[in-house]
């Protein structure tokens, strides 16, 4: 029989907002679920605190910014060159200026909230919700994306993502 006192239960949560779904479903069809994130994260944090549960929050780097203007000032020099253009979040970014839905794309407030709870760790889910296995992108582009994620986390939260 296994000794459960030595077992480890690992929770890793992806924090992506629309960046994780934009190539799969329209914003209109997914907006309600995205709006629910703003209730779900605080509720999970309270539950984790109550039961002393540790978790890693794998966070897309774009989310650290307050709005599209702030993000556009921090885009890395090397961008992914996916064979499928719909996967490129940087093309999508150009459509956000006219839309009034910043809270579906950015959540620095929620990242700060996670940091306030003991046992919670901010991880990286790349800067741009990078698709590592898609054709067209290069190792140098992936490295630039990871470097941007780390630099953003350091600059905007003073936390080194894992």
N, C-alpha and C. Protein backbone atom coordinates (compact mmCIF):
# COMPACT_ATOMS: atom_id res chain seq x y z
N UNK A 1 0.84 -1.18 0.00
CA UNK A 1 0.00 0.00 0.00
C UNK A 1 0.88 1.25 0.00
N UNK A 2 0.50 2.25 -0.77
CA UNK A 2 1.25 3.50 -0.86
C UNK A 2 1.07 4.34 0.39
N UNK A 3 2.11 5.05 0.76
CA UNK A 3 2.06 5.95 1.90
C UNK A 3 1.60 7.33 1.41
N UNK A 4 0.36 7.69 1.69
CA UNK A 4 -0.20 8.95 1.21
C UNK A 4 0.43 10.17 1.85
N UNK A 5 1.11 10.00 2.96
CA UNK A 5 1.75 11.16 3.59
C UNK A 5 2.90 11.69 2.74
N UNK A 6 3.35 10.91 1.77
CA UNK A 6 4.43 11.36 0.90
C UNK A 6 3.93 11.72 -0.50
N UNK A 7 2.64 11.68 -0.70
CA UNK A 7 2.08 12.00 -2.01
C UNK A 7 2.09 13.51 -2.22
N UNK A 8 2.15 13.90 -3.47
CA UNK A 8 2.11 15.31 -3.84
C UNK A 8 0.97 15.53 -4.82
N UNK A 9 0.16 16.51 -4.54
CA UNK A 9 -0.94 16.89 -5.42
C UNK A 9 -0.56 18.21 -6.06
N UNK A 10 -0.50 18.25 -7.37
CA UNK A 10 -0.04 19.43 -8.09
C UNK A 10 -1.20 20.07 -8.84
N UNK A 11 -1.35 21.37 -8.66
CA UNK A 11 -2.36 22.12 -9.41
C UNK A 11 -1.64 23.19 -10.21
N UNK A 12 -1.86 23.17 -11.51
CA UNK A 12 -1.34 24.20 -12.39
C UNK A 12 -2.50 24.72 -13.22
N UNK A 13 -2.72 26.00 -13.15
CA UNK A 13 -3.85 26.62 -13.84
C UNK A 13 -3.34 27.54 -14.95
N UNK A 14 -3.93 27.42 -16.13
CA UNK A 14 -3.59 28.32 -17.23
C UNK A 14 -4.43 29.59 -17.11
N UNK A 15 -3.76 30.72 -17.11
CA UNK A 15 -4.44 32.02 -17.09
C UNK A 15 -4.16 32.66 -18.44
N UNK A 16 -5.19 32.69 -19.30
CA UNK A 16 -4.99 33.09 -20.69
C UNK A 16 -5.96 34.16 -21.17
N UNK A 17 -7.13 34.23 -20.56
CA UNK A 17 -8.23 35.03 -21.08
C UNK A 17 -8.43 34.69 -22.56
N UNK A 18 -8.73 35.66 -23.38
CA UNK A 18 -9.06 35.34 -24.78
C UNK A 18 -7.84 34.92 -25.61
N UNK A 19 -6.64 35.21 -25.13
CA UNK A 19 -5.44 34.85 -25.88
C UNK A 19 -5.35 33.34 -26.09
N UNK A 20 -5.91 32.56 -25.21
CA UNK A 20 -5.87 31.11 -25.33
C UNK A 20 -6.97 30.53 -26.19
N UNK A 21 -7.93 31.36 -26.60
CA UNK A 21 -9.08 30.85 -27.35
C UNK A 21 -9.34 31.59 -28.66
N UNK A 22 -8.63 32.68 -28.90
CA UNK A 22 -8.96 33.57 -30.01
C UNK A 22 -8.90 32.90 -31.38
N UNK A 23 -8.11 31.84 -31.52
CA UNK A 23 -8.02 31.15 -32.81
C UNK A 23 -9.01 29.99 -32.90
N UNK A 24 -9.81 29.79 -31.85
CA UNK A 24 -10.73 28.65 -31.78
C UNK A 24 -12.19 29.08 -31.82
N UNK A 25 -12.51 30.17 -31.13
CA UNK A 25 -13.91 30.60 -30.99
C UNK A 25 -13.97 32.13 -31.04
N UNK A 26 -15.07 32.66 -31.53
CA UNK A 26 -15.20 34.11 -31.61
C UNK A 26 -15.35 34.70 -30.21
N UNK A 27 -14.94 35.94 -30.08
CA UNK A 27 -15.04 36.63 -28.80
C UNK A 27 -16.49 36.71 -28.33
N UNK A 28 -17.41 36.98 -29.23
CA UNK A 28 -18.83 37.04 -28.86
C UNK A 28 -19.33 35.72 -28.31
N UNK A 29 -18.88 34.62 -28.87
CA UNK A 29 -19.34 33.30 -28.42
C UNK A 29 -18.66 32.84 -27.13
N UNK A 30 -17.60 33.51 -26.73
CA UNK A 30 -16.85 33.08 -25.54
C UNK A 30 -16.81 34.15 -24.45
N UNK A 31 -17.42 35.27 -24.70
CA UNK A 31 -17.33 36.41 -23.78
C UNK A 31 -17.84 36.07 -22.37
N UNK A 32 -18.93 35.36 -22.27
CA UNK A 32 -19.49 35.04 -20.95
C UNK A 32 -18.51 34.22 -20.11
N UNK A 33 -17.86 33.25 -20.74
CA UNK A 33 -16.87 32.44 -20.02
C UNK A 33 -15.69 33.31 -19.58
N UNK A 34 -15.25 34.20 -20.45
CA UNK A 34 -14.14 35.09 -20.10
C UNK A 34 -14.49 36.02 -18.95
N UNK A 35 -15.70 36.52 -18.95
CA UNK A 35 -16.14 37.39 -17.85
C UNK A 35 -16.18 36.62 -16.53
N UNK A 36 -16.44 35.34 -16.59
CA UNK A 36 -16.47 34.50 -15.39
C UNK A 36 -15.12 34.34 -14.72
N UNK A 37 -14.05 34.57 -15.47
CA UNK A 37 -12.70 34.45 -14.91
C UNK A 37 -12.51 35.42 -13.75
N UNK A 38 -13.11 36.58 -13.84
CA UNK A 38 -12.95 37.60 -12.79
C UNK A 38 -13.64 37.22 -11.48
N UNK A 39 -14.56 36.28 -11.53
CA UNK A 39 -15.14 35.73 -10.30
C UNK A 39 -14.43 34.44 -9.90
N UNK A 40 -14.01 33.66 -10.89
CA UNK A 40 -13.42 32.34 -10.62
C UNK A 40 -12.08 32.44 -9.91
N UNK A 41 -11.22 33.33 -10.36
CA UNK A 41 -9.88 33.40 -9.75
C UNK A 41 -9.95 33.80 -8.28
N UNK A 42 -10.65 34.86 -7.90
CA UNK A 42 -10.75 35.16 -6.46
C UNK A 42 -11.38 34.03 -5.65
N UNK A 43 -12.38 33.37 -6.21
CA UNK A 43 -13.03 32.26 -5.50
C UNK A 43 -12.05 31.10 -5.31
N UNK A 44 -11.28 30.79 -6.35
CA UNK A 44 -10.28 29.72 -6.22
C UNK A 44 -9.22 30.09 -5.19
N UNK A 45 -8.78 31.33 -5.20
CA UNK A 45 -7.78 31.76 -4.23
C UNK A 45 -8.29 31.62 -2.80
N UNK A 46 -9.52 31.98 -2.56
CA UNK A 46 -10.10 31.82 -1.22
C UNK A 46 -10.18 30.34 -0.83
N UNK A 47 -10.59 29.52 -1.76
CA UNK A 47 -10.68 28.08 -1.51
C UNK A 47 -9.29 27.49 -1.23
N UNK A 48 -8.31 27.88 -2.04
CA UNK A 48 -6.95 27.39 -1.84
C UNK A 48 -6.40 27.86 -0.49
N UNK A 49 -6.69 29.08 -0.10
CA UNK A 49 -6.23 29.59 1.19
C UNK A 49 -6.87 28.81 2.34
N UNK A 50 -8.15 28.57 2.22
CA UNK A 50 -8.88 27.85 3.27
C UNK A 50 -8.30 26.46 3.51
N UNK A 51 -7.94 25.77 2.42
CA UNK A 51 -7.45 24.39 2.53
C UNK A 51 -5.93 24.28 2.38
N UNK A 52 -5.25 25.43 2.39
CA UNK A 52 -3.78 25.48 2.29
C UNK A 52 -3.28 24.73 1.05
N UNK A 53 -3.92 24.99 -0.07
CA UNK A 53 -3.56 24.37 -1.34
C UNK A 53 -2.63 25.31 -2.10
N UNK A 54 -1.51 24.76 -2.54
CA UNK A 54 -0.56 25.52 -3.35
C UNK A 54 -0.90 25.30 -4.82
N UNK A 55 -0.67 26.31 -5.63
CA UNK A 55 -0.95 26.19 -7.06
C UNK A 55 0.01 27.08 -7.84
N UNK A 56 0.24 26.69 -9.08
CA UNK A 56 0.99 27.51 -10.02
C UNK A 56 0.01 28.05 -11.05
N UNK A 57 0.10 29.34 -11.28
CA UNK A 57 -0.78 30.03 -12.22
C UNK A 57 0.06 30.36 -13.46
N UNK A 58 -0.03 29.52 -14.48
CA UNK A 58 0.72 29.69 -15.72
C UNK A 58 0.06 30.81 -16.52
N UNK A 59 0.71 31.96 -16.55
CA UNK A 59 0.09 33.20 -17.01
C UNK A 59 0.69 33.68 -18.33
N UNK A 60 -0.17 33.95 -19.30
CA UNK A 60 0.26 34.53 -20.58
C UNK A 60 0.79 35.94 -20.31
N UNK A 61 1.96 36.24 -20.84
CA UNK A 61 2.61 37.52 -20.58
C UNK A 61 1.81 38.74 -20.98
N UNK A 62 1.00 38.63 -22.04
CA UNK A 62 0.17 39.76 -22.47
C UNK A 62 -0.73 40.26 -21.34
N UNK A 63 -1.13 39.36 -20.46
CA UNK A 63 -2.11 39.70 -19.41
C UNK A 63 -1.59 40.70 -18.39
N UNK A 64 -0.28 40.82 -18.27
CA UNK A 64 0.32 41.73 -17.30
C UNK A 64 0.04 43.20 -17.62
N UNK A 65 -0.26 43.48 -18.87
CA UNK A 65 -0.45 44.87 -19.29
C UNK A 65 -1.87 45.33 -19.02
N UNK A 66 -2.03 46.63 -18.83
CA UNK A 66 -3.34 47.19 -18.51
C UNK A 66 -4.22 47.34 -19.73
N UNK A 67 -3.59 47.53 -20.90
CA UNK A 67 -4.38 47.75 -22.11
C UNK A 67 -3.53 47.49 -23.35
N UNK A 68 -4.17 47.60 -24.49
CA UNK A 68 -3.51 47.30 -25.76
C UNK A 68 -2.36 48.27 -26.04
N UNK A 69 -2.52 49.53 -25.67
CA UNK A 69 -1.45 50.51 -25.93
C UNK A 69 -0.18 50.15 -25.16
N UNK A 70 -0.34 49.77 -23.91
CA UNK A 70 0.81 49.38 -23.10
C UNK A 70 1.47 48.13 -23.67
N UNK A 71 0.67 47.17 -24.10
CA UNK A 71 1.22 45.95 -24.69
C UNK A 71 2.00 46.26 -25.96
N UNK A 72 1.44 47.07 -26.83
CA UNK A 72 2.09 47.36 -28.12
C UNK A 72 3.46 48.02 -27.94
N UNK A 73 3.68 48.70 -26.84
CA UNK A 73 4.98 49.32 -26.58
C UNK A 73 6.02 48.31 -26.12
N UNK A 74 5.60 47.08 -25.87
CA UNK A 74 6.50 46.07 -25.31
C UNK A 74 6.57 44.79 -26.14
N UNK A 75 6.22 44.87 -27.38
CA UNK A 75 6.26 43.70 -28.26
C UNK A 75 7.71 43.39 -28.62
N UNK A 76 8.10 42.11 -28.55
CA UNK A 76 9.49 41.76 -28.87
C UNK A 76 9.82 42.00 -30.35
N UNK A 77 11.12 42.12 -30.63
CA UNK A 77 11.58 42.34 -32.01
C UNK A 77 11.26 41.15 -32.90
N UNK A 78 11.51 39.95 -32.40
CA UNK A 78 11.26 38.74 -33.20
C UNK A 78 9.88 38.19 -32.87
N UNK A 79 9.05 38.07 -33.89
CA UNK A 79 7.70 37.56 -33.72
C UNK A 79 7.57 36.20 -34.39
N UNK A 80 6.65 35.37 -33.92
CA UNK A 80 6.48 34.05 -34.55
C UNK A 80 6.02 34.19 -35.99
N UNK A 81 6.52 33.30 -36.83
CA UNK A 81 6.15 33.30 -38.25
C UNK A 81 5.39 32.01 -38.56
N UNK A 82 4.26 31.84 -37.90
CA UNK A 82 3.46 30.63 -38.09
C UNK A 82 3.02 30.50 -39.54
N UNK A 83 2.97 29.27 -40.03
CA UNK A 83 2.44 29.02 -41.37
C UNK A 83 0.95 29.35 -41.45
N UNK A 84 0.25 29.20 -40.33
CA UNK A 84 -1.18 29.52 -40.27
C UNK A 84 -1.35 30.90 -39.63
N UNK A 85 -1.67 31.92 -40.43
CA UNK A 85 -1.78 33.29 -39.90
C UNK A 85 -2.77 33.44 -38.75
N UNK A 86 -3.80 32.62 -38.68
CA UNK A 86 -4.79 32.77 -37.61
C UNK A 86 -4.19 32.51 -36.23
N UNK A 87 -3.04 31.85 -36.18
CA UNK A 87 -2.39 31.57 -34.90
C UNK A 87 -1.60 32.77 -34.38
N UNK A 88 -1.34 33.74 -35.22
CA UNK A 88 -0.50 34.87 -34.87
C UNK A 88 -1.26 35.91 -34.03
N UNK A 89 -0.96 36.01 -32.74
CA UNK A 89 -1.68 36.97 -31.91
C UNK A 89 -1.34 38.42 -32.25
N UNK A 90 -0.21 38.64 -32.88
CA UNK A 90 0.19 40.01 -33.19
C UNK A 90 -0.66 40.59 -34.31
N UNK A 91 -1.15 39.77 -35.21
CA UNK A 91 -2.10 40.25 -36.21
C UNK A 91 -3.43 40.60 -35.55
N UNK A 92 -3.82 39.78 -34.57
CA UNK A 92 -5.06 40.02 -33.84
C UNK A 92 -4.99 41.32 -33.03
N UNK A 93 -3.83 41.61 -32.46
CA UNK A 93 -3.65 42.81 -31.63
C UNK A 93 -4.09 44.06 -32.38
N UNK A 94 -3.82 44.12 -33.66
CA UNK A 94 -4.16 45.30 -34.45
C UNK A 94 -5.66 45.55 -34.53
N UNK A 95 -6.47 44.56 -34.25
CA UNK A 95 -7.93 44.73 -34.29
C UNK A 95 -8.50 45.21 -32.96
N UNK A 96 -7.69 45.23 -31.92
CA UNK A 96 -8.19 45.55 -30.58
C UNK A 96 -8.38 47.03 -30.31
N UNK A 97 -7.74 47.89 -31.03
CA UNK A 97 -7.83 49.33 -30.78
C UNK A 97 -9.27 49.82 -30.72
N UNK A 98 -10.10 49.37 -31.64
CA UNK A 98 -11.46 49.87 -31.75
C UNK A 98 -12.44 49.20 -30.79
N UNK A 99 -12.03 48.11 -30.20
CA UNK A 99 -12.96 47.34 -29.36
C UNK A 99 -12.87 47.79 -27.90
N UNK A 100 -13.99 47.72 -27.21
CA UNK A 100 -14.04 48.10 -25.81
C UNK A 100 -14.14 46.83 -24.95
N UNK A 101 -13.10 46.03 -24.97
CA UNK A 101 -13.13 44.75 -24.25
C UNK A 101 -11.77 44.44 -23.63
N UNK A 102 -11.11 45.45 -23.12
CA UNK A 102 -9.78 45.26 -22.56
C UNK A 102 -9.76 44.23 -21.43
N UNK A 103 -10.83 44.16 -20.64
CA UNK A 103 -10.84 43.23 -19.50
C UNK A 103 -10.93 41.77 -19.94
N UNK A 104 -11.22 41.52 -21.20
CA UNK A 104 -11.23 40.16 -21.73
C UNK A 104 -9.86 39.75 -22.26
N UNK A 105 -8.94 40.70 -22.27
CA UNK A 105 -7.60 40.47 -22.81
C UNK A 105 -6.48 40.76 -21.81
N UNK A 106 -6.76 41.50 -20.77
CA UNK A 106 -5.72 41.93 -19.82
C UNK A 106 -6.23 41.82 -18.39
N UNK A 107 -5.33 41.46 -17.47
CA UNK A 107 -5.77 41.33 -16.06
C UNK A 107 -4.62 41.51 -15.08
N UNK A 108 -3.90 42.63 -15.13
CA UNK A 108 -2.83 42.82 -14.15
C UNK A 108 -3.35 42.81 -12.72
N UNK A 109 -4.60 43.22 -12.53
CA UNK A 109 -5.20 43.21 -11.20
C UNK A 109 -5.32 41.79 -10.65
N UNK A 110 -5.67 40.85 -11.48
CA UNK A 110 -5.80 39.46 -11.02
C UNK A 110 -4.43 38.84 -10.75
N UNK A 111 -3.43 39.20 -11.53
CA UNK A 111 -2.07 38.71 -11.28
C UNK A 111 -1.59 39.22 -9.93
N UNK A 112 -1.83 40.48 -9.66
CA UNK A 112 -1.46 41.05 -8.36
C UNK A 112 -2.21 40.36 -7.22
N UNK A 113 -3.46 40.03 -7.44
CA UNK A 113 -4.25 39.33 -6.43
C UNK A 113 -3.65 37.96 -6.13
N UNK A 114 -3.29 37.22 -7.15
CA UNK A 114 -2.68 35.89 -6.96
C UNK A 114 -1.42 36.02 -6.11
N UNK A 115 -0.61 37.03 -6.40
CA UNK A 115 0.64 37.24 -5.66
C UNK A 115 0.42 37.45 -4.17
N UNK A 116 -0.73 37.95 -3.78
CA UNK A 116 -1.00 38.27 -2.38
C UNK A 116 -1.29 37.04 -1.53
N UNK A 117 -1.53 35.91 -2.16
CA UNK A 117 -1.92 34.70 -1.43
C UNK A 117 -0.72 33.79 -1.21
N UNK A 118 -0.58 33.31 0.01
CA UNK A 118 0.50 32.37 0.33
C UNK A 118 0.31 31.07 -0.45
N UNK A 119 1.42 30.51 -0.87
CA UNK A 119 1.38 29.22 -1.56
C UNK A 119 1.01 29.30 -3.03
N UNK A 120 0.85 30.51 -3.54
CA UNK A 120 0.50 30.68 -4.96
C UNK A 120 1.73 31.17 -5.71
N UNK A 121 1.95 30.58 -6.86
CA UNK A 121 3.14 30.86 -7.65
C UNK A 121 2.71 31.29 -9.05
N UNK A 122 3.32 32.38 -9.52
CA UNK A 122 3.05 32.84 -10.88
C UNK A 122 4.05 32.15 -11.80
N UNK A 123 3.54 31.44 -12.78
CA UNK A 123 4.38 30.79 -13.78
C UNK A 123 4.19 31.46 -15.12
N UNK A 124 4.97 31.05 -16.09
CA UNK A 124 4.80 31.62 -17.42
C UNK A 124 4.10 30.63 -18.34
N UNK A 125 3.23 31.17 -19.14
CA UNK A 125 2.54 30.41 -20.19
C UNK A 125 2.92 31.08 -21.52
N UNK A 126 4.19 31.49 -21.58
CA UNK A 126 4.81 32.25 -22.66
C UNK A 126 4.27 33.68 -22.67
N UNK A 127 4.84 34.49 -23.51
CA UNK A 127 4.42 35.89 -23.59
C UNK A 127 3.12 36.02 -24.38
N UNK A 128 3.05 35.31 -25.50
CA UNK A 128 1.96 35.52 -26.45
C UNK A 128 1.03 34.32 -26.62
N UNK A 129 1.06 33.40 -25.67
CA UNK A 129 0.36 32.12 -25.84
C UNK A 129 0.94 31.41 -27.07
N UNK A 130 2.23 31.24 -27.04
CA UNK A 130 3.04 30.73 -28.15
C UNK A 130 2.71 29.28 -28.47
N UNK A 131 2.62 28.98 -29.75
CA UNK A 131 2.36 27.62 -30.23
C UNK A 131 3.67 26.97 -30.66
N UNK A 132 4.30 26.26 -29.75
CA UNK A 132 5.62 25.69 -29.97
C UNK A 132 5.67 24.63 -31.07
N UNK A 133 4.60 23.90 -31.25
CA UNK A 133 4.61 22.79 -32.19
C UNK A 133 4.11 23.15 -33.58
N UNK A 134 3.73 24.39 -33.78
CA UNK A 134 3.21 24.80 -35.09
C UNK A 134 4.35 25.08 -36.06
N UNK A 135 4.11 24.77 -37.32
CA UNK A 135 5.14 24.98 -38.33
C UNK A 135 5.29 26.46 -38.66
N UNK A 136 6.52 26.81 -39.03
CA UNK A 136 6.83 28.17 -39.44
C UNK A 136 7.60 28.95 -38.40
N UNK A 137 7.35 28.72 -37.13
CA UNK A 137 8.05 29.46 -36.08
C UNK A 137 9.44 28.86 -35.87
N UNK A 138 10.31 29.64 -35.27
CA UNK A 138 11.70 29.20 -35.09
C UNK A 138 12.08 29.19 -33.61
N UNK A 139 13.19 28.56 -33.33
CA UNK A 139 13.70 28.51 -31.97
C UNK A 139 14.04 29.92 -31.47
N UNK A 140 14.60 30.75 -32.33
CA UNK A 140 14.95 32.12 -31.94
C UNK A 140 13.69 32.92 -31.61
N UNK A 141 12.62 32.71 -32.35
CA UNK A 141 11.35 33.40 -32.07
C UNK A 141 10.78 32.95 -30.73
N UNK A 142 10.87 31.66 -30.46
CA UNK A 142 10.39 31.13 -29.19
C UNK A 142 11.20 31.71 -28.02
N UNK A 143 12.51 31.77 -28.20
CA UNK A 143 13.37 32.34 -27.16
C UNK A 143 13.02 33.81 -26.91
N UNK A 144 12.78 34.56 -27.98
CA UNK A 144 12.39 35.97 -27.83
C UNK A 144 11.08 36.09 -27.07
N UNK A 145 10.15 35.18 -27.33
CA UNK A 145 8.86 35.18 -26.64
C UNK A 145 9.05 34.90 -25.15
N UNK A 146 9.84 33.90 -24.82
CA UNK A 146 10.09 33.59 -23.41
C UNK A 146 10.82 34.73 -22.70
N UNK A 147 11.79 35.32 -23.38
CA UNK A 147 12.50 36.46 -22.78
C UNK A 147 11.55 37.62 -22.52
N UNK A 148 10.62 37.86 -23.43
CA UNK A 148 9.63 38.92 -23.24
C UNK A 148 8.72 38.60 -22.05
N UNK A 149 8.35 37.34 -21.90
CA UNK A 149 7.51 36.94 -20.76
C UNK A 149 8.22 37.19 -19.44
N UNK A 150 9.48 36.80 -19.38
CA UNK A 150 10.25 36.97 -18.14
C UNK A 150 10.48 38.45 -17.84
N UNK A 151 10.86 39.21 -18.86
CA UNK A 151 11.09 40.65 -18.67
C UNK A 151 9.82 41.36 -18.21
N UNK A 152 8.70 40.99 -18.79
CA UNK A 152 7.42 41.60 -18.42
C UNK A 152 7.08 41.29 -16.97
N UNK A 153 7.22 40.04 -16.59
CA UNK A 153 6.90 39.66 -15.21
C UNK A 153 7.80 40.39 -14.21
N UNK A 154 9.06 40.50 -14.54
CA UNK A 154 9.99 41.21 -13.64
C UNK A 154 9.64 42.69 -13.54
N UNK A 155 9.36 43.29 -14.68
CA UNK A 155 9.12 44.73 -14.73
C UNK A 155 7.78 45.11 -14.09
N UNK A 156 6.76 44.32 -14.33
CA UNK A 156 5.42 44.72 -13.90
C UNK A 156 4.97 44.13 -12.58
N UNK A 157 5.66 43.11 -12.09
CA UNK A 157 5.24 42.53 -10.81
C UNK A 157 6.39 42.30 -9.85
N UNK A 158 7.58 42.52 -10.31
CA UNK A 158 8.78 42.24 -9.51
C UNK A 158 8.84 40.78 -9.10
N UNK A 159 8.21 39.92 -9.89
CA UNK A 159 8.23 38.49 -9.61
C UNK A 159 8.88 37.76 -10.77
N UNK A 160 9.71 36.81 -10.47
CA UNK A 160 10.32 35.98 -11.51
C UNK A 160 9.39 34.80 -11.75
N UNK A 161 8.82 34.67 -12.96
CA UNK A 161 7.94 33.53 -13.21
C UNK A 161 8.73 32.24 -13.27
N UNK A 162 8.07 31.14 -12.98
CA UNK A 162 8.72 29.83 -13.03
C UNK A 162 8.37 29.13 -14.32
